[in-house]
Amino acid sequence: MRLFVFDHCPFCVRALLAVGLKSLPVEISYILEDDIETPTKMIGKQMVPILEYEAGKFMPESLDIVKYLDTNFGDAIFTETQNPKVATWIDDNFGRVNEYVMPRFAEMNFPEFETASARNLYITRHEERIGQSFAELLAKSADYKAAMETELEKLAEFVDLARVQDQKYSLDDIILFPLLRALTCVKGLEFPKAVTEYTEILAKQGNVPLFYDQAC
């Protein structure tokens, strides 16, 4: 099997975490941000992640990929009950997290940004989608920091650290971890201890490195 991803993409990280937690022999291929041809040949449009689950057979959609891997290879591991508070927290913060980290991602070293054209497309695409420049978003960093630290304190009240320490997982982990991983690229952002431990445990168990070394 082969998984096509962007390293920065939270949806791709869902699939990467599932592969790592299940220790599956999946080849990881990073495509360029401006590579339209490769995914279009596979699924008819530019989109990642994409799993080539059999030769010439491709599956998009992150949660579909996670469920396919969990169902078809070894014992299912994403079997714990989901907490609706996690879904609410993600709904409330998904946009905020992306606006906070994307200008920083644009300066970081990712395989999908190996060419100037790929990096520039990432910037222009997301600036147009958000309706603000990355410079404008960076100028609001203090406001984002204050809001995000408040939200992380809320998350600490119900993040299930003990469960992941026991290697028991739910789809909450698959959906939440990518956002927390993304936030590790923000230099000086303070995480509650429980949230830090939760994030670092999943990163280690799933073999998905965090961004501390590139934090800016």
N, C-alpha and C. Protein backbone atom coordinates (compact mmCIF):
# COMPACT_ATOMS: atom_id res chain seq x y z
N MET A 1 0.84 -1.19 0.00
CA MET A 1 0.00 0.00 0.00
C MET A 1 0.87 1.24 0.00
N ARG A 2 0.29 2.30 -0.50
CA ARG A 2 1.02 3.56 -0.60
C ARG A 2 0.09 4.71 -0.25
N LEU A 3 0.57 5.63 0.57
CA LEU A 3 -0.24 6.75 1.03
C LEU A 3 0.38 8.04 0.52
N PHE A 4 -0.40 8.83 -0.21
CA PHE A 4 0.05 10.10 -0.77
C PHE A 4 -0.45 11.24 0.13
N VAL A 5 0.45 12.10 0.57
CA VAL A 5 0.10 13.09 1.59
C VAL A 5 0.87 14.39 1.40
N PHE A 6 0.41 15.44 2.11
CA PHE A 6 1.20 16.61 2.49
C PHE A 6 1.52 16.44 3.97
N ASP A 7 2.71 16.80 4.39
CA ASP A 7 3.08 16.65 5.79
C ASP A 7 2.34 17.65 6.69
N HIS A 8 2.03 18.83 6.17
CA HIS A 8 1.39 19.85 7.00
C HIS A 8 -0.12 19.66 7.14
N CYS A 9 -0.70 18.88 6.27
CA CYS A 9 -2.17 18.80 6.15
C CYS A 9 -2.79 18.01 7.30
N PRO A 10 -3.73 18.61 8.06
CA PRO A 10 -4.31 17.88 9.20
C PRO A 10 -5.08 16.63 8.78
N PHE A 11 -5.67 16.65 7.60
CA PHE A 11 -6.40 15.47 7.14
C PHE A 11 -5.43 14.34 6.79
N CYS A 12 -4.30 14.70 6.21
CA CYS A 12 -3.27 13.69 5.93
C CYS A 12 -2.71 13.11 7.22
N VAL A 13 -2.56 13.94 8.23
CA VAL A 13 -2.01 13.47 9.51
C VAL A 13 -2.94 12.44 10.15
N ARG A 14 -4.23 12.56 9.92
CA ARG A 14 -5.15 11.53 10.42
C ARG A 14 -4.73 10.15 9.89
N ALA A 15 -4.50 10.09 8.58
CA ALA A 15 -4.12 8.81 7.97
C ALA A 15 -2.73 8.38 8.42
N LEU A 16 -1.80 9.32 8.51
CA LEU A 16 -0.45 8.99 8.96
C LEU A 16 -0.45 8.43 10.37
N LEU A 17 -1.27 9.02 11.25
CA LEU A 17 -1.34 8.54 12.63
C LEU A 17 -1.91 7.13 12.68
N ALA A 18 -2.93 6.86 11.89
CA ALA A 18 -3.51 5.51 11.85
C ALA A 18 -2.49 4.49 11.39
N VAL A 19 -1.74 4.83 10.35
CA VAL A 19 -0.69 3.92 9.86
C VAL A 19 0.31 3.64 10.96
N GLY A 20 0.73 4.69 11.67
CA GLY A 20 1.73 4.52 12.71
C GLY A 20 1.24 3.76 13.92
N LEU A 21 0.04 4.08 14.38
CA LEU A 21 -0.49 3.39 15.55
C LEU A 21 -0.72 1.91 15.29
N LYS A 22 -1.03 1.56 14.05
CA LYS A 22 -1.25 0.16 13.71
C LYS A 22 0.02 -0.52 13.17
N SER A 23 1.10 0.25 13.05
CA SER A 23 2.39 -0.29 12.57
C SER A 23 2.23 -1.02 11.24
N LEU A 24 1.61 -0.34 10.29
CA LEU A 24 1.33 -0.95 9.00
C LEU A 24 2.45 -0.65 8.00
N PRO A 25 2.76 -1.61 7.13
CA PRO A 25 3.82 -1.41 6.13
C PRO A 25 3.31 -0.62 4.93
N VAL A 26 3.06 0.65 5.14
CA VAL A 26 2.53 1.53 4.10
C VAL A 26 3.64 2.48 3.65
N GLU A 27 3.86 2.56 2.36
CA GLU A 27 4.85 3.49 1.82
C GLU A 27 4.24 4.90 1.82
N ILE A 28 4.99 5.87 2.34
CA ILE A 28 4.50 7.24 2.41
C ILE A 28 5.15 8.04 1.28
N SER A 29 4.31 8.68 0.46
CA SER A 29 4.80 9.51 -0.64
C SER A 29 4.27 10.93 -0.47
N TYR A 30 5.19 11.88 -0.46
CA TYR A 30 4.83 13.29 -0.35
C TYR A 30 4.79 13.89 -1.75
N ILE A 31 3.69 14.53 -2.07
CA ILE A 31 3.57 15.17 -3.38
C ILE A 31 3.69 16.68 -3.19
N LEU A 32 4.06 17.37 -4.24
CA LEU A 32 4.20 18.82 -4.17
C LEU A 32 2.84 19.50 -4.09
N GLU A 33 2.81 20.62 -3.41
CA GLU A 33 1.57 21.39 -3.24
C GLU A 33 0.94 21.75 -4.57
N ASP A 34 1.77 22.00 -5.58
CA ASP A 34 1.23 22.40 -6.89
C ASP A 34 1.17 21.25 -7.89
N ASP A 35 1.29 20.03 -7.41
CA ASP A 35 1.18 18.86 -8.28
C ASP A 35 -0.29 18.51 -8.45
N ILE A 36 -0.86 19.00 -9.51
CA ILE A 36 -2.27 18.74 -9.79
C ILE A 36 -2.44 17.42 -10.54
N GLU A 37 -1.47 17.10 -11.37
CA GLU A 37 -1.59 15.94 -12.26
C GLU A 37 -1.68 14.62 -11.50
N THR A 38 -0.80 14.43 -10.50
CA THR A 38 -0.74 13.12 -9.82
C THR A 38 -2.05 12.74 -9.16
N PRO A 39 -2.61 13.57 -8.25
CA PRO A 39 -3.87 13.16 -7.64
C PRO A 39 -5.04 13.13 -8.62
N THR A 40 -5.01 14.00 -9.63
CA THR A 40 -6.10 14.01 -10.60
C THR A 40 -6.15 12.70 -11.38
N LYS A 41 -5.00 12.14 -11.70
CA LYS A 41 -4.97 10.85 -12.38
C LYS A 41 -5.55 9.75 -11.50
N MET A 42 -5.38 9.88 -10.18
CA MET A 42 -5.84 8.85 -9.26
C MET A 42 -7.33 8.95 -8.97
N ILE A 43 -7.79 10.16 -8.62
CA ILE A 43 -9.17 10.31 -8.12
C ILE A 43 -9.97 11.40 -8.83
N GLY A 44 -9.39 12.01 -9.86
CA GLY A 44 -10.13 12.98 -10.65
C GLY A 44 -10.05 14.41 -10.16
N LYS A 45 -9.29 14.67 -9.09
CA LYS A 45 -9.14 16.03 -8.59
C LYS A 45 -7.91 16.11 -7.69
N GLN A 46 -7.50 17.35 -7.39
CA GLN A 46 -6.36 17.54 -6.50
C GLN A 46 -6.84 17.48 -5.06
N MET A 47 -6.41 16.43 -4.37
CA MET A 47 -6.87 16.20 -3.01
C MET A 47 -5.96 15.17 -2.36
N VAL A 48 -5.63 15.38 -1.11
CA VAL A 48 -4.90 14.39 -0.32
C VAL A 48 -5.54 14.34 1.07
N PRO A 49 -5.39 13.21 1.77
CA PRO A 49 -4.62 12.03 1.45
C PRO A 49 -5.32 11.12 0.43
N ILE A 50 -4.50 10.30 -0.20
CA ILE A 50 -5.00 9.27 -1.10
C ILE A 50 -4.27 7.97 -0.75
N LEU A 51 -5.02 6.91 -0.55
CA LEU A 51 -4.43 5.60 -0.29
C LEU A 51 -4.55 4.74 -1.54
N GLU A 52 -3.41 4.27 -2.03
CA GLU A 52 -3.42 3.24 -3.07
C GLU A 52 -3.43 1.90 -2.36
N TYR A 53 -4.63 1.34 -2.19
CA TYR A 53 -4.80 0.15 -1.36
C TYR A 53 -4.56 -1.14 -2.14
N GLU A 54 -4.69 -1.08 -3.43
CA GLU A 54 -4.28 -2.15 -4.34
C GLU A 54 -3.70 -1.47 -5.57
N ALA A 55 -2.94 -2.19 -6.35
CA ALA A 55 -2.31 -1.59 -7.52
C ALA A 55 -3.35 -0.95 -8.43
N GLY A 56 -3.26 0.36 -8.61
CA GLY A 56 -4.18 1.06 -9.49
C GLY A 56 -5.52 1.37 -8.88
N LYS A 57 -5.72 1.06 -7.58
CA LYS A 57 -6.99 1.35 -6.91
C LYS A 57 -6.73 2.35 -5.79
N PHE A 58 -7.51 3.44 -5.80
CA PHE A 58 -7.22 4.57 -4.93
C PHE A 58 -8.43 4.96 -4.09
N MET A 59 -8.14 5.40 -2.87
CA MET A 59 -9.18 5.81 -1.93
C MET A 59 -8.83 7.19 -1.36
N PRO A 60 -9.72 8.19 -1.54
CA PRO A 60 -9.52 9.48 -0.90
C PRO A 60 -10.27 9.52 0.44
N GLU A 61 -10.31 10.69 1.05
CA GLU A 61 -11.04 10.97 2.29
C GLU A 61 -10.36 10.34 3.51
N SER A 62 -9.89 11.19 4.38
CA SER A 62 -9.06 10.74 5.50
C SER A 62 -9.74 9.72 6.41
N LEU A 63 -10.97 9.98 6.82
CA LEU A 63 -11.62 9.05 7.75
C LEU A 63 -12.00 7.75 7.07
N ASP A 64 -12.28 7.80 5.77
CA ASP A 64 -12.52 6.55 5.04
C ASP A 64 -11.25 5.71 5.03
N ILE A 65 -10.12 6.36 4.83
CA ILE A 65 -8.84 5.64 4.84
C ILE A 65 -8.57 5.05 6.21
N VAL A 66 -8.78 5.83 7.26
CA VAL A 66 -8.56 5.34 8.63
C VAL A 66 -9.43 4.12 8.91
N LYS A 67 -10.68 4.20 8.56
CA LYS A 67 -11.60 3.09 8.82
C LYS A 67 -11.23 1.86 7.99
N TYR A 68 -10.81 2.07 6.76
CA TYR A 68 -10.38 0.95 5.91
C TYR A 68 -9.18 0.25 6.53
N LEU A 69 -8.19 1.01 6.95
CA LEU A 69 -6.99 0.43 7.54
C LEU A 69 -7.31 -0.29 8.85
N ASP A 70 -8.19 0.30 9.64
CA ASP A 70 -8.49 -0.29 10.94
C ASP A 70 -9.31 -1.57 10.79
N THR A 71 -10.17 -1.60 9.80
CA THR A 71 -11.07 -2.74 9.61
C THR A 71 -10.37 -3.93 8.95
N ASN A 72 -9.43 -3.65 8.05
CA ASN A 72 -8.90 -4.70 7.18
C ASN A 72 -7.52 -5.22 7.56
N PHE A 73 -6.88 -4.62 8.55
CA PHE A 73 -5.52 -5.03 8.87
C PHE A 73 -5.36 -5.19 10.39
N GLY A 74 -5.33 -6.43 10.83
CA GLY A 74 -5.19 -6.71 12.24
C GLY A 74 -6.45 -6.37 13.02
N ASP A 75 -6.33 -6.42 14.34
CA ASP A 75 -7.46 -6.08 15.20
C ASP A 75 -7.74 -4.58 15.12
N ALA A 76 -9.01 -4.24 15.13
CA ALA A 76 -9.40 -2.83 15.15
C ALA A 76 -8.90 -2.19 16.44
N ILE A 77 -8.38 -0.97 16.34
CA ILE A 77 -7.88 -0.29 17.54
C ILE A 77 -8.64 0.99 17.86
N PHE A 78 -9.40 1.52 16.91
CA PHE A 78 -10.13 2.77 17.17
C PHE A 78 -11.55 2.42 17.61
N THR A 79 -11.62 1.81 18.78
CA THR A 79 -12.87 1.22 19.24
C THR A 79 -13.45 1.90 20.48
N GLU A 80 -12.70 2.80 21.09
CA GLU A 80 -13.19 3.45 22.30
C GLU A 80 -14.28 4.47 21.96
N THR A 81 -15.14 4.74 22.92
CA THR A 81 -16.26 5.66 22.72
C THR A 81 -15.75 7.09 22.54
N GLN A 82 -16.31 7.78 21.57
CA GLN A 82 -15.93 9.17 21.34
C GLN A 82 -16.62 10.09 22.34
N ASN A 83 -15.96 11.18 22.64
CA ASN A 83 -16.48 12.18 23.57
C ASN A 83 -17.02 13.36 22.78
N PRO A 84 -18.31 13.67 22.89
CA PRO A 84 -18.87 14.79 22.11
C PRO A 84 -18.22 16.12 22.43
N LYS A 85 -17.60 16.25 23.61
CA LYS A 85 -16.93 17.49 23.94
C LYS A 85 -15.72 17.74 23.03
N VAL A 86 -15.10 16.65 22.58
CA VAL A 86 -13.97 16.78 21.66
C VAL A 86 -14.45 17.33 20.32
N ALA A 87 -15.55 16.80 19.82
CA ALA A 87 -16.09 17.27 18.54
C ALA A 87 -16.46 18.75 18.63
N THR A 88 -17.04 19.14 19.74
CA THR A 88 -17.42 20.55 19.93
C THR A 88 -16.17 21.43 19.96
N TRP A 89 -15.14 20.98 20.67
CA TRP A 89 -13.91 21.76 20.76
C TRP A 89 -13.29 21.93 19.38
N ILE A 90 -13.28 20.87 18.59
CA ILE A 90 -12.71 20.94 17.24
C ILE A 90 -13.53 21.89 16.37
N ASP A 91 -14.86 21.78 16.43
CA ASP A 91 -15.71 22.68 15.65
C ASP A 91 -15.45 24.14 16.01
N ASP A 92 -15.24 24.38 17.28
CA ASP A 92 -15.03 25.76 17.75
C ASP A 92 -13.65 26.30 17.38
N ASN A 93 -12.68 25.41 17.17
CA ASN A 93 -11.30 25.87 17.05
C ASN A 93 -10.60 25.53 15.75
N PHE A 94 -11.22 24.76 14.88
CA PHE A 94 -10.53 24.33 13.65
C PHE A 94 -10.06 25.54 12.84
N GLY A 95 -10.94 26.48 12.61
CA GLY A 95 -10.57 27.65 11.83
C GLY A 95 -9.51 28.49 12.51
N ARG A 96 -9.64 28.65 13.81
CA ARG A 96 -8.67 29.44 14.58
C ARG A 96 -7.28 28.82 14.51
N VAL A 97 -7.20 27.52 14.68
CA VAL A 97 -5.91 26.84 14.61
C VAL A 97 -5.28 27.05 13.24
N ASN A 98 -6.04 26.86 12.18
CA ASN A 98 -5.49 27.00 10.83
C ASN A 98 -4.99 28.42 10.57
N GLU A 99 -5.76 29.41 10.97
CA GLU A 99 -5.34 30.80 10.75
C GLU A 99 -4.09 31.12 11.55
N TYR A 100 -3.93 30.50 12.70
CA TYR A 100 -2.77 30.73 13.56
C TYR A 100 -1.50 30.09 12.99
N VAL A 101 -1.64 28.87 12.45
CA VAL A 101 -0.44 28.12 12.05
C VAL A 101 -0.07 28.28 10.58
N MET A 102 -1.02 28.55 9.71
CA MET A 102 -0.71 28.53 8.28
C MET A 102 0.38 29.53 7.87
N PRO A 103 0.38 30.76 8.39
CA PRO A 103 1.49 31.65 8.03
C PRO A 103 2.85 31.11 8.47
N ARG A 104 2.87 30.36 9.54
CA ARG A 104 4.11 29.74 10.01
C ARG A 104 4.48 28.55 9.14
N PHE A 105 3.49 27.74 8.79
CA PHE A 105 3.74 26.62 7.88
C PHE A 105 4.40 27.12 6.59
N ALA A 106 3.98 28.29 6.11
CA ALA A 106 4.50 28.82 4.85
C ALA A 106 6.00 29.07 4.89
N GLU A 107 6.56 29.19 6.10
CA GLU A 107 7.99 29.44 6.26
C GLU A 107 8.76 28.17 6.63
N MET A 108 8.08 27.07 6.82
CA MET A 108 8.71 25.86 7.32
C MET A 108 9.16 24.94 6.19
N ASN A 109 9.95 23.94 6.56
CA ASN A 109 10.48 22.98 5.59
C ASN A 109 9.58 21.75 5.53
N PHE A 110 8.82 21.63 4.46
CA PHE A 110 7.97 20.48 4.21
C PHE A 110 8.32 19.90 2.85
N PRO A 111 8.20 18.59 2.69
CA PRO A 111 8.47 17.99 1.37
C PRO A 111 7.60 18.58 0.26
N GLU A 112 6.38 18.95 0.60
CA GLU A 112 5.46 19.49 -0.39
C GLU A 112 5.79 20.92 -0.81
N PHE A 113 6.76 21.56 -0.11
CA PHE A 113 7.19 22.92 -0.45
C PHE A 113 8.61 22.92 -1.02
N GLU A 114 9.04 21.86 -1.64
CA GLU A 114 10.44 21.77 -2.09
C GLU A 114 10.74 22.72 -3.25
N THR A 115 9.72 23.19 -3.94
CA THR A 115 9.93 24.16 -5.01
C THR A 115 9.27 25.48 -4.62
N ALA A 116 9.80 26.57 -5.16
CA ALA A 116 9.24 27.88 -4.86
C ALA A 116 7.79 27.98 -5.34
N SER A 117 7.51 27.37 -6.49
CA SER A 117 6.14 27.45 -7.03
C SER A 117 5.15 26.73 -6.12
N ALA A 118 5.57 25.63 -5.52
CA ALA A 118 4.69 24.89 -4.61
C ALA A 118 4.41 25.71 -3.36
N ARG A 119 5.45 26.30 -2.78
CA ARG A 119 5.27 27.14 -1.58
C ARG A 119 4.39 28.35 -1.90
N ASN A 120 4.65 28.99 -3.03
CA ASN A 120 3.87 30.17 -3.38
C ASN A 120 2.41 29.85 -3.61
N LEU A 121 2.14 28.68 -4.20
CA LEU A 121 0.74 28.30 -4.40
C LEU A 121 0.04 28.10 -3.07
N TYR A 122 0.72 27.47 -2.11
CA TYR A 122 0.14 27.30 -0.78
C TYR A 122 -0.26 28.65 -0.20
N ILE A 123 0.62 29.62 -0.31
CA ILE A 123 0.35 30.94 0.26
C ILE A 123 -0.83 31.60 -0.44
N THR A 124 -0.79 31.68 -1.75
CA THR A 124 -1.85 32.39 -2.47
C THR A 124 -3.20 31.68 -2.33
N ARG A 125 -3.18 30.36 -2.37
CA ARG A 125 -4.43 29.60 -2.25
C ARG A 125 -5.12 29.88 -0.93
N HIS A 126 -4.37 29.85 0.15
CA HIS A 126 -5.00 30.01 1.47
C HIS A 126 -5.28 31.47 1.81
N GLU A 127 -4.47 32.38 1.31
CA GLU A 127 -4.80 33.79 1.52
C GLU A 127 -6.11 34.13 0.82
N GLU A 128 -6.31 33.61 -0.37
CA GLU A 128 -7.56 33.86 -1.10
C GLU A 128 -8.74 33.22 -0.39
N ARG A 129 -8.53 32.02 0.13
CA ARG A 129 -9.63 31.32 0.82
C ARG A 129 -10.03 32.04 2.09
N ILE A 130 -9.06 32.50 2.86
CA ILE A 130 -9.34 33.16 4.14
C ILE A 130 -9.79 34.60 3.93
N GLY A 131 -9.28 35.23 2.89
CA GLY A 131 -9.60 36.63 2.67
C GLY A 131 -8.69 37.58 3.42
N GLN A 132 -7.57 37.07 3.90
CA GLN A 132 -6.56 37.88 4.58
C GLN A 132 -5.19 37.39 4.16
N SER A 133 -4.21 38.31 4.17
CA SER A 133 -2.85 37.89 3.89
C SER A 133 -2.25 37.22 5.11
N PHE A 134 -1.22 36.41 4.87
CA PHE A 134 -0.52 35.79 6.00
C PHE A 134 0.12 36.85 6.89
N ALA A 135 0.56 37.95 6.30
CA ALA A 135 1.13 39.04 7.10
C ALA A 135 0.08 39.60 8.06
N GLU A 136 -1.14 39.75 7.59
CA GLU A 136 -2.22 40.24 8.45
C GLU A 136 -2.50 39.25 9.58
N LEU A 137 -2.47 37.96 9.28
CA LEU A 137 -2.71 36.96 10.31
C LEU A 137 -1.58 36.96 11.34
N LEU A 138 -0.35 37.08 10.90
CA LEU A 138 0.77 37.13 11.83
C LEU A 138 0.70 38.34 12.74
N ALA A 139 0.17 39.44 12.23
CA ALA A 139 0.05 40.64 13.04
C ALA A 139 -0.94 40.47 14.20
N LYS A 140 -1.79 39.46 14.08
CA LYS A 140 -2.78 39.18 15.12
C LYS A 140 -2.34 38.05 16.05
N SER A 141 -1.04 37.70 16.01
CA SER A 141 -0.55 36.55 16.76
C SER A 141 -0.85 36.63 18.24
N ALA A 142 -0.73 37.81 18.83
CA ALA A 142 -0.97 37.94 20.27
C ALA A 142 -2.42 37.59 20.61
N ASP A 143 -3.35 38.02 19.76
CA ASP A 143 -4.76 37.71 19.98
C ASP A 143 -5.02 36.22 19.82
N TYR A 144 -4.43 35.63 18.78
CA TYR A 144 -4.59 34.19 18.58
C TYR A 144 -3.99 33.41 19.76
N LYS A 145 -2.85 33.84 20.23
CA LYS A 145 -2.19 33.15 21.34
C LYS A 145 -3.07 33.15 22.58
N ALA A 146 -3.62 34.30 22.92
CA ALA A 146 -4.46 34.40 24.11
C ALA A 146 -5.70 33.52 23.97
N ALA A 147 -6.35 33.58 22.81
CA ALA A 147 -7.55 32.78 22.60
C ALA A 147 -7.23 31.29 22.61
N MET A 148 -6.11 30.92 21.97
CA MET A 148 -5.77 29.51 21.86
C MET A 148 -5.39 28.92 23.21
N GLU A 149 -4.67 29.67 24.01
CA GLU A 149 -4.30 29.17 25.34
C GLU A 149 -5.52 28.98 26.22
N THR A 150 -6.50 29.85 26.08
CA THR A 150 -7.76 29.67 26.81
C THR A 150 -8.46 28.40 26.37
N GLU A 151 -8.48 28.17 25.07
CA GLU A 151 -9.14 26.98 24.54
C GLU A 151 -8.40 25.70 24.93
N LEU A 152 -7.09 25.75 24.97
CA LEU A 152 -6.32 24.57 25.38
C LEU A 152 -6.55 24.24 26.85
N GLU A 153 -6.75 25.24 27.66
CA GLU A 153 -7.09 24.99 29.07
C GLU A 153 -8.43 24.28 29.17
N LYS A 154 -9.37 24.66 28.33
CA LYS A 154 -10.67 23.97 28.31
C LYS A 154 -10.49 22.52 27.89
N LEU A 155 -9.67 22.30 26.88
CA LEU A 155 -9.44 20.95 26.39
C LEU A 155 -8.81 20.07 27.47
N ALA A 156 -7.93 20.65 28.26
CA ALA A 156 -7.24 19.88 29.30
C ALA A 156 -8.20 19.27 30.31
N GLU A 157 -9.37 19.84 30.43
CA GLU A 157 -10.35 19.34 31.40
C GLU A 157 -10.95 18.01 30.98
N PHE A 158 -10.90 17.69 29.68
CA PHE A 158 -11.53 16.44 29.26
C PHE A 158 -10.69 15.61 28.29
N VAL A 159 -9.47 16.06 27.96
CA VAL A 159 -8.62 15.22 27.12
C VAL A 159 -8.30 13.93 27.87
N ASP A 160 -8.37 12.80 27.18
CA ASP A 160 -8.29 11.50 27.85
C ASP A 160 -6.86 10.97 27.81
N LEU A 161 -6.03 11.50 28.67
CA LEU A 161 -4.62 11.13 28.72
C LEU A 161 -4.44 9.68 29.15
N ALA A 162 -5.18 9.26 30.17
CA ALA A 162 -5.01 7.90 30.69
C ALA A 162 -5.32 6.85 29.62
N ARG A 163 -6.30 7.14 28.80
CA ARG A 163 -6.69 6.16 27.77
C ARG A 163 -5.57 5.94 26.77
N VAL A 164 -4.97 7.01 26.26
CA VAL A 164 -3.91 6.83 25.27
C VAL A 164 -2.64 6.27 25.92
N GLN A 165 -2.42 6.55 27.20
CA GLN A 165 -1.31 5.92 27.90
C GLN A 165 -1.47 4.41 27.93
N ASP A 166 -2.71 3.95 27.98
CA ASP A 166 -3.02 2.52 27.96
C ASP A 166 -3.14 1.97 26.54
N GLN A 167 -2.83 2.79 25.55
CA GLN A 167 -2.91 2.41 24.14
C GLN A 167 -4.31 1.95 23.74
N LYS A 168 -5.27 2.72 24.21
CA LYS A 168 -6.66 2.54 23.82
C LYS A 168 -7.08 3.81 23.07
N TYR A 169 -7.63 3.62 21.88
CA TYR A 169 -7.84 4.76 21.00
C TYR A 169 -9.28 4.88 20.52
N SER A 170 -9.64 6.10 20.21
CA SER A 170 -10.92 6.37 19.56
C SER A 170 -10.66 7.26 18.35
N LEU A 171 -11.68 7.48 17.54
CA LEU A 171 -11.53 8.40 16.41
C LEU A 171 -11.28 9.82 16.88
N ASP A 172 -11.61 10.14 18.13
CA ASP A 172 -11.26 11.45 18.68
C ASP A 172 -9.77 11.72 18.53
N ASP A 173 -8.95 10.72 18.79
CA ASP A 173 -7.50 10.89 18.72
C ASP A 173 -7.05 11.19 17.29
N ILE A 174 -7.66 10.50 16.35
CA ILE A 174 -7.34 10.68 14.94
C ILE A 174 -7.67 12.11 14.49
N ILE A 175 -8.76 12.67 15.00
CA ILE A 175 -9.22 13.99 14.54
C ILE A 175 -8.57 15.12 15.33
N LEU A 176 -8.33 14.91 16.62
CA LEU A 176 -7.78 15.95 17.48
C LEU A 176 -6.27 16.11 17.34
N PHE A 177 -5.56 15.00 17.29
CA PHE A 177 -4.09 15.07 17.27
C PHE A 177 -3.53 15.97 16.17
N PRO A 178 -4.04 15.93 14.93
CA PRO A 178 -3.45 16.78 13.90
C PRO A 178 -3.49 18.27 14.24
N LEU A 179 -4.53 18.72 14.92
CA LEU A 179 -4.61 20.13 15.29
C LEU A 179 -3.60 20.46 16.38
N LEU A 180 -3.45 19.58 17.34
CA LEU A 180 -2.47 19.81 18.41
C LEU A 180 -1.06 19.74 17.86
N ARG A 181 -0.81 18.81 16.97
CA ARG A 181 0.50 18.74 16.32
C ARG A 181 0.79 20.05 15.59
N ALA A 182 -0.18 20.56 14.85
CA ALA A 182 0.02 21.81 14.12
C ALA A 182 0.42 22.94 15.06
N LEU A 183 -0.19 23.00 16.23
CA LEU A 183 0.09 24.07 17.18
C LEU A 183 1.49 23.99 17.76
N THR A 184 2.15 22.85 17.64
CA THR A 184 3.52 22.77 18.16
C THR A 184 4.50 23.55 17.29
N CYS A 185 4.03 24.12 16.19
CA CYS A 185 4.90 24.97 15.36
C CYS A 185 4.93 26.41 15.86
N VAL A 186 4.12 26.73 16.86
CA VAL A 186 4.04 28.11 17.35
C VAL A 186 4.97 28.29 18.54
N LYS A 187 5.99 29.08 18.34
CA LYS A 187 6.96 29.32 19.41
C LYS A 187 6.33 30.14 20.53
N GLY A 188 6.47 29.64 21.76
CA GLY A 188 5.97 30.37 22.92
C GLY A 188 4.54 30.08 23.30
N LEU A 189 3.83 29.29 22.51
CA LEU A 189 2.46 28.92 22.88
C LEU A 189 2.51 27.96 24.06
N GLU A 190 1.75 28.24 25.10
CA GLU A 190 1.77 27.43 26.32
C GLU A 190 0.65 26.41 26.30
N PHE A 191 1.03 25.15 26.43
CA PHE A 191 0.09 24.04 26.48
C PHE A 191 -0.08 23.59 27.93
N PRO A 192 -1.28 23.28 28.36
CA PRO A 192 -1.43 22.62 29.66
C PRO A 192 -0.70 21.29 29.66
N LYS A 193 -0.25 20.87 30.83
CA LYS A 193 0.56 19.66 30.93
C LYS A 193 -0.15 18.45 30.33
N ALA A 194 -1.42 18.28 30.64
CA ALA A 194 -2.15 17.10 30.15
C ALA A 194 -2.23 17.09 28.63
N VAL A 195 -2.40 18.26 28.02
CA VAL A 195 -2.49 18.34 26.56
C VAL A 195 -1.13 18.06 25.93
N THR A 196 -0.07 18.59 26.53
CA THR A 196 1.28 18.31 26.04
C THR A 196 1.56 16.81 26.08
N GLU A 197 1.26 16.18 27.20
CA GLU A 197 1.55 14.75 27.34
C GLU A 197 0.71 13.93 26.36
N TYR A 198 -0.55 14.28 26.22
CA TYR A 198 -1.43 13.59 25.26
C TYR A 198 -0.85 13.67 23.85
N THR A 199 -0.44 14.87 23.44
CA THR A 199 0.08 15.08 22.11
C THR A 199 1.39 14.32 21.90
N GLU A 200 2.27 14.38 22.87
CA GLU A 200 3.58 13.73 22.73
C GLU A 200 3.47 12.21 22.77
N ILE A 201 2.54 11.68 23.54
CA ILE A 201 2.34 10.23 23.58
C ILE A 201 1.87 9.73 22.22
N LEU A 202 0.86 10.39 21.65
CA LEU A 202 0.36 9.96 20.35
C LEU A 202 1.41 10.12 19.25
N ALA A 203 2.20 11.20 19.33
CA ALA A 203 3.26 11.40 18.35
C ALA A 203 4.26 10.25 18.39
N LYS A 204 4.61 9.84 19.60
CA LYS A 204 5.58 8.75 19.75
C LYS A 204 4.97 7.42 19.34
N GLN A 205 3.76 7.14 19.82
CA GLN A 205 3.13 5.86 19.49
C GLN A 205 2.82 5.74 18.00
N GLY A 206 2.48 6.86 17.37
CA GLY A 206 2.12 6.84 15.96
C GLY A 206 3.25 7.19 15.01
N ASN A 207 4.42 7.48 15.58
CA ASN A 207 5.60 7.82 14.77
C ASN A 207 5.31 8.99 13.83
N VAL A 208 4.69 10.04 14.38
CA VAL A 208 4.40 11.26 13.64
C VAL A 208 5.10 12.41 14.37
N PRO A 209 6.24 12.86 13.88
CA PRO A 209 7.02 13.88 14.60
C PRO A 209 6.25 15.20 14.76
N LEU A 210 6.52 15.85 15.88
CA LEU A 210 5.97 17.17 16.15
C LEU A 210 6.88 18.25 15.55
N PHE A 211 6.49 19.51 15.71
CA PHE A 211 7.19 20.60 15.04
C PHE A 211 8.02 21.48 15.97
N TYR A 212 8.33 21.00 17.15
CA TYR A 212 9.07 21.82 18.10
C TYR A 212 10.36 22.38 17.50
N ASP A 213 11.04 21.59 16.69
CA ASP A 213 12.34 22.02 16.17
C ASP A 213 12.22 23.10 15.10
N GLN A 214 11.02 23.31 14.58
CA GLN A 214 10.82 24.36 13.58
C GLN A 214 9.93 25.49 14.10
N ALA A 215 9.60 25.45 15.37
CA ALA A 215 8.65 26.44 15.93
C ALA A 215 9.12 27.86 15.66
N CYS A 216 8.17 28.69 15.27
CA CYS A 216 8.52 30.07 14.94
C CYS A 216 7.37 31.01 15.32
